[in-house]
Amino acid sequence: MQRLALFDLDNTLVDLDRAFAVWATEFADLHGLGHEAVDLMMSLDRAGYPHREVFFAKIREHFALPEPAGELWRQYRQRMPYLVRCQPEVKAGLARLRASGWKVAIVTNGTADNQFGKIQQTGLPKVVDAYVLSGVEGIRKPDRRLFEIAAKRCGMSLCTRGGWMIGDNLVADVAGGRAAGLRTIWINRGRWPDREHGADYVATDVLQAMEILHNEA
């Protein structure tokens, strides 16, 4: 059975929520919006406005900002790669998986500049075999083809038995991974209360997920 581990990026390998909170504070300070603006932006993010075109259109309208929403979004994409962090323990865990014979890839949705910037700034290319960005390929998880590209770049195939998808999104990562024939580990960050997850395992963080992979090998 092949050892293939596909990992989501945001809120799986890197802590996007913490980076977003830092960005929201910076943004409010830059535009003189006050702390209530930070609360609003955090609330919108938690309420399910992760698509930043919609998010920034709402922010621009609410605060009557002069910059176009597209420009605000561009500035966000430029800044965010410098705010996200990947814990040294996570990178060490990825390296340990590879040393144990696993092929490891990142499969992430998002614009090419933003996601590639995060991957590069956190040093993740040094500890994975491949990465696949929806903004480059023109397809998004849960589309099976994105998982197929990742497997191929690792020298493997989804047609071969084995392989895992690890991520925090029940639709893109868990349902998408299952539909692609992968076993799944859901990183439960509390955003999907009382919803059936369908994952093979549930983990509190990616480090726990890596231990599950080692035990399953």
Foldseek 3Di string as FASTA:
>chain_A
DAFEEEEEPDQAQKDLLVLVLVVQVVVCVVVVNDPVSSVVLNVVVLVDPPPQLVSLVVVCVVVVDPDHSVVVVVVCLVPSLVRIEGDPVSLVLLQVCVVVPHAYEYEYEDAPSNVVSNCVSHVVVVRHQYYFYCNVVVDAFLPLVSVQVRQVSSVHGLVDPAYEFEEADLGRTVVSQVVSVYAYEHQHPPSDPPDDRNHPYYDVHNVVVSVVSVVVD
